[in-house]
């Protein structure tokens, strides 16, 4: 049976494998599903970090700032 999801082989340290196994059993999902969920969360955190850096850079620029009222009315 084929799948639309891409498969990926990964190597985990015994400690990481033990934690993933525990979380997967706790949540009653396969280990691959738990790893996919954790990866999705990690990517969202990285995205938040990138937006935070961008926001800090824009905040420190020496340009005219608009007030909340000017932007949103």
N, C-alpha and C. Protein backbone atom coordinates (compact mmCIF):
# COMPACT_ATOMS: atom_id res chain seq x y z
N UNK A 1 0.84 -1.17 0.00
CA UNK A 1 0.00 0.00 0.00
C UNK A 1 0.89 1.24 0.00
N UNK A 2 0.61 2.17 -0.88
CA UNK A 2 1.41 3.39 -0.95
C UNK A 2 0.83 4.45 -0.02
N UNK A 3 1.66 5.44 0.27
CA UNK A 3 1.23 6.54 1.13
C UNK A 3 1.64 7.86 0.50
N UNK A 4 0.90 8.90 0.81
CA UNK A 4 1.24 10.22 0.31
C UNK A 4 2.29 10.90 1.19
N UNK A 5 2.49 10.34 2.39
CA UNK A 5 3.47 10.90 3.31
C UNK A 5 4.86 10.36 2.98
N UNK A 6 5.84 11.24 3.05
CA UNK A 6 7.22 10.85 2.81
C UNK A 6 7.76 10.13 4.04
N UNK A 7 8.45 9.04 3.83
CA UNK A 7 9.04 8.29 4.94
C UNK A 7 10.49 8.71 5.09
N UNK A 8 10.95 8.71 6.34
CA UNK A 8 12.30 9.14 6.64
C UNK A 8 12.87 8.24 7.73
N UNK A 9 14.05 7.72 7.51
CA UNK A 9 14.72 6.92 8.53
C UNK A 9 15.55 7.85 9.40
N UNK A 10 15.44 7.71 10.70
CA UNK A 10 16.22 8.52 11.61
C UNK A 10 16.93 7.62 12.62
N UNK A 11 18.00 8.14 13.17
CA UNK A 11 18.74 7.43 14.21
C UNK A 11 18.59 8.23 15.49
N UNK A 12 18.17 7.55 16.55
CA UNK A 12 17.97 8.22 17.84
C UNK A 12 18.92 7.63 18.87
N UNK A 13 19.37 8.48 19.76
CA UNK A 13 20.13 7.96 20.89
C UNK A 13 19.18 7.14 21.75
N UNK A 14 19.72 6.23 22.55
CA UNK A 14 18.83 5.43 23.41
C UNK A 14 17.97 6.29 24.33
N UNK A 15 18.52 7.40 24.82
CA UNK A 15 17.76 8.26 25.72
C UNK A 15 16.57 8.89 25.00
N UNK A 16 16.81 9.38 23.78
CA UNK A 16 15.74 10.00 23.01
C UNK A 16 14.69 8.96 22.64
N UNK A 17 15.12 7.78 22.23
CA UNK A 17 14.19 6.71 21.87
C UNK A 17 13.31 6.34 23.05
N UNK A 18 13.91 6.29 24.23
CA UNK A 18 13.15 5.95 25.43
C UNK A 18 12.08 7.02 25.71
N UNK A 19 12.45 8.30 25.59
CA UNK A 19 11.50 9.38 25.82
C UNK A 19 10.37 9.37 24.78
N UNK A 20 10.73 9.18 23.52
CA UNK A 20 9.71 9.15 22.45
C UNK A 20 8.78 7.96 22.67
N UNK A 21 9.36 6.83 23.00
CA UNK A 21 8.55 5.64 23.26
C UNK A 21 7.57 5.87 24.41
N UNK A 22 8.05 6.48 25.47
CA UNK A 22 7.20 6.77 26.63
C UNK A 22 6.06 7.72 26.24
N UNK A 23 6.39 8.79 25.51
CA UNK A 23 5.36 9.76 25.11
C UNK A 23 4.35 9.13 24.16
N UNK A 24 4.82 8.29 23.25
CA UNK A 24 3.92 7.64 22.30
C UNK A 24 2.95 6.70 23.02
N UNK A 25 3.47 5.94 23.97
CA UNK A 25 2.60 5.05 24.75
C UNK A 25 1.62 5.85 25.58
N UNK A 26 2.11 6.93 26.20
CA UNK A 26 1.24 7.79 27.02
C UNK A 26 0.08 8.35 26.21
N UNK A 27 0.39 8.77 24.95
CA UNK A 27 -0.62 9.39 24.09
C UNK A 27 -1.34 8.39 23.19
N UNK A 28 -0.97 7.12 23.33
CA UNK A 28 -1.60 6.04 22.56
C UNK A 28 -1.52 6.28 21.05
N UNK A 29 -0.31 6.63 20.59
CA UNK A 29 -0.06 6.84 19.16
C UNK A 29 1.24 6.11 18.79
N UNK A 30 1.41 5.80 17.52
CA UNK A 30 2.68 5.19 17.10
C UNK A 30 3.85 6.17 17.30
N UNK A 31 5.03 5.62 17.46
CA UNK A 31 6.21 6.46 17.65
C UNK A 31 6.41 7.42 16.48
N UNK A 32 6.17 6.95 15.26
CA UNK A 32 6.34 7.82 14.09
C UNK A 32 5.39 9.01 14.15
N UNK A 33 4.17 8.78 14.62
CA UNK A 33 3.21 9.88 14.76
C UNK A 33 3.68 10.86 15.82
N UNK A 34 4.18 10.35 16.93
CA UNK A 34 4.65 11.23 18.01
C UNK A 34 5.83 12.06 17.52
N UNK A 35 6.76 11.46 16.80
CA UNK A 35 7.90 12.19 16.27
C UNK A 35 7.44 13.26 15.29
N UNK A 36 6.47 12.94 14.46
CA UNK A 36 5.92 13.91 13.51
C UNK A 36 5.29 15.08 14.26
N UNK A 37 4.55 14.81 15.33
CA UNK A 37 3.94 15.86 16.13
C UNK A 37 5.01 16.75 16.77
N UNK A 38 6.03 16.12 17.32
CA UNK A 38 7.11 16.88 17.96
C UNK A 38 7.87 17.74 16.95
N UNK A 39 8.06 17.20 15.76
CA UNK A 39 8.74 17.96 14.71
C UNK A 39 7.90 19.17 14.29
N UNK A 40 6.60 18.99 14.17
CA UNK A 40 5.71 20.09 13.81
C UNK A 40 5.77 21.20 14.87
N UNK A 41 5.76 20.82 16.13
CA UNK A 41 5.87 21.80 17.22
C UNK A 41 7.21 22.52 17.15
N UNK A 42 8.26 21.77 16.91
CA UNK A 42 9.60 22.35 16.82
C UNK A 42 9.68 23.36 15.68
N UNK A 43 9.08 23.05 14.55
CA UNK A 43 9.09 23.97 13.41
C UNK A 43 8.31 25.25 13.72
N UNK A 44 7.21 25.13 14.45
CA UNK A 44 6.45 26.31 14.84
C UNK A 44 7.28 27.19 15.78
N UNK A 45 8.01 26.57 16.69
CA UNK A 45 8.87 27.34 17.60
C UNK A 45 9.97 28.06 16.83
N UNK A 46 10.55 27.39 15.85
CA UNK A 46 11.59 28.01 15.01
C UNK A 46 11.01 29.19 14.23
N UNK A 47 9.79 29.02 13.74
CA UNK A 47 9.13 30.10 13.01
C UNK A 47 8.89 31.29 13.94
N UNK A 48 8.43 31.02 15.16
CA UNK A 48 8.21 32.09 16.13
C UNK A 48 9.52 32.82 16.43
N UNK A 49 10.59 32.05 16.55
CA UNK A 49 11.91 32.65 16.82
C UNK A 49 12.33 33.56 15.68
N UNK A 50 12.13 33.11 14.44
CA UNK A 50 12.51 33.91 13.27
C UNK A 50 11.69 35.20 13.21
N UNK A 51 10.38 35.12 13.50
CA UNK A 51 9.54 36.32 13.50
C UNK A 51 9.94 37.26 14.63
N UNK A 52 10.34 36.72 15.76
CA UNK A 52 10.79 37.54 16.88
C UNK A 52 12.05 38.31 16.52
N UNK A 53 12.99 37.63 15.87
CA UNK A 53 14.23 38.29 15.44
C UNK A 53 13.90 39.40 14.44
N UNK A 54 13.03 39.10 13.48
CA UNK A 54 12.63 40.09 12.48
C UNK A 54 11.95 41.29 13.15
N UNK A 55 11.07 41.02 14.11
CA UNK A 55 10.39 42.09 14.82
C UNK A 55 11.37 42.96 15.60
N UNK A 56 12.34 42.33 16.26
CA UNK A 56 13.35 43.09 16.99
C UNK A 56 14.17 43.98 16.06
N UNK A 57 14.52 43.44 14.89
CA UNK A 57 15.28 44.23 13.92
C UNK A 57 14.46 45.43 13.45
N UNK A 58 13.20 45.21 13.15
CA UNK A 58 12.34 46.31 12.69
C UNK A 58 12.12 47.33 13.79
N UNK A 59 12.00 46.87 15.03
CA UNK A 59 11.78 47.77 16.14
C UNK A 59 12.98 48.70 16.34
N UNK A 60 14.17 48.19 16.08
CA UNK A 60 15.40 48.96 16.29
C UNK A 60 15.77 49.85 15.10
N UNK A 61 15.04 49.75 14.00
CA UNK A 61 15.33 50.60 12.84
C UNK A 61 14.98 52.05 13.17
N UNK A 62 15.76 52.95 12.61
CA UNK A 62 15.56 54.39 12.87
C UNK A 62 14.61 54.98 11.83
N UNK A 63 13.43 54.43 11.74
CA UNK A 63 12.43 54.93 10.80
C UNK A 63 11.20 55.40 11.58
N UNK A 64 10.34 56.12 10.90
CA UNK A 64 9.12 56.63 11.54
C UNK A 64 8.23 55.45 11.94
N UNK A 65 7.79 55.47 13.15
CA UNK A 65 6.90 54.43 13.65
C UNK A 65 5.46 54.93 13.57
N UNK A 66 4.55 54.03 13.26
CA UNK A 66 3.13 54.37 13.22
C UNK A 66 2.48 53.93 14.52
N UNK A 67 1.57 54.73 15.00
CA UNK A 67 0.85 54.38 16.22
C UNK A 67 -0.22 53.33 15.90
N UNK A 68 -0.72 52.73 16.95
CA UNK A 68 -1.80 51.75 16.78
C UNK A 68 -3.00 52.39 16.08
N UNK A 69 -3.33 53.59 16.49
CA UNK A 69 -4.49 54.30 15.92
C UNK A 69 -4.26 54.59 14.42
N UNK A 70 -3.02 54.97 14.04
CA UNK A 70 -2.72 55.24 12.64
C UNK A 70 -2.88 53.99 11.77
N UNK A 71 -2.53 52.87 12.33
CA UNK A 71 -2.59 51.63 11.55
C UNK A 71 -4.00 51.06 11.54
N UNK A 72 -4.62 50.97 12.70
CA UNK A 72 -5.90 50.27 12.82
C UNK A 72 -7.11 51.20 12.90
N UNK A 73 -6.87 52.50 12.98
CA UNK A 73 -8.00 53.43 12.98
C UNK A 73 -8.57 53.74 14.32
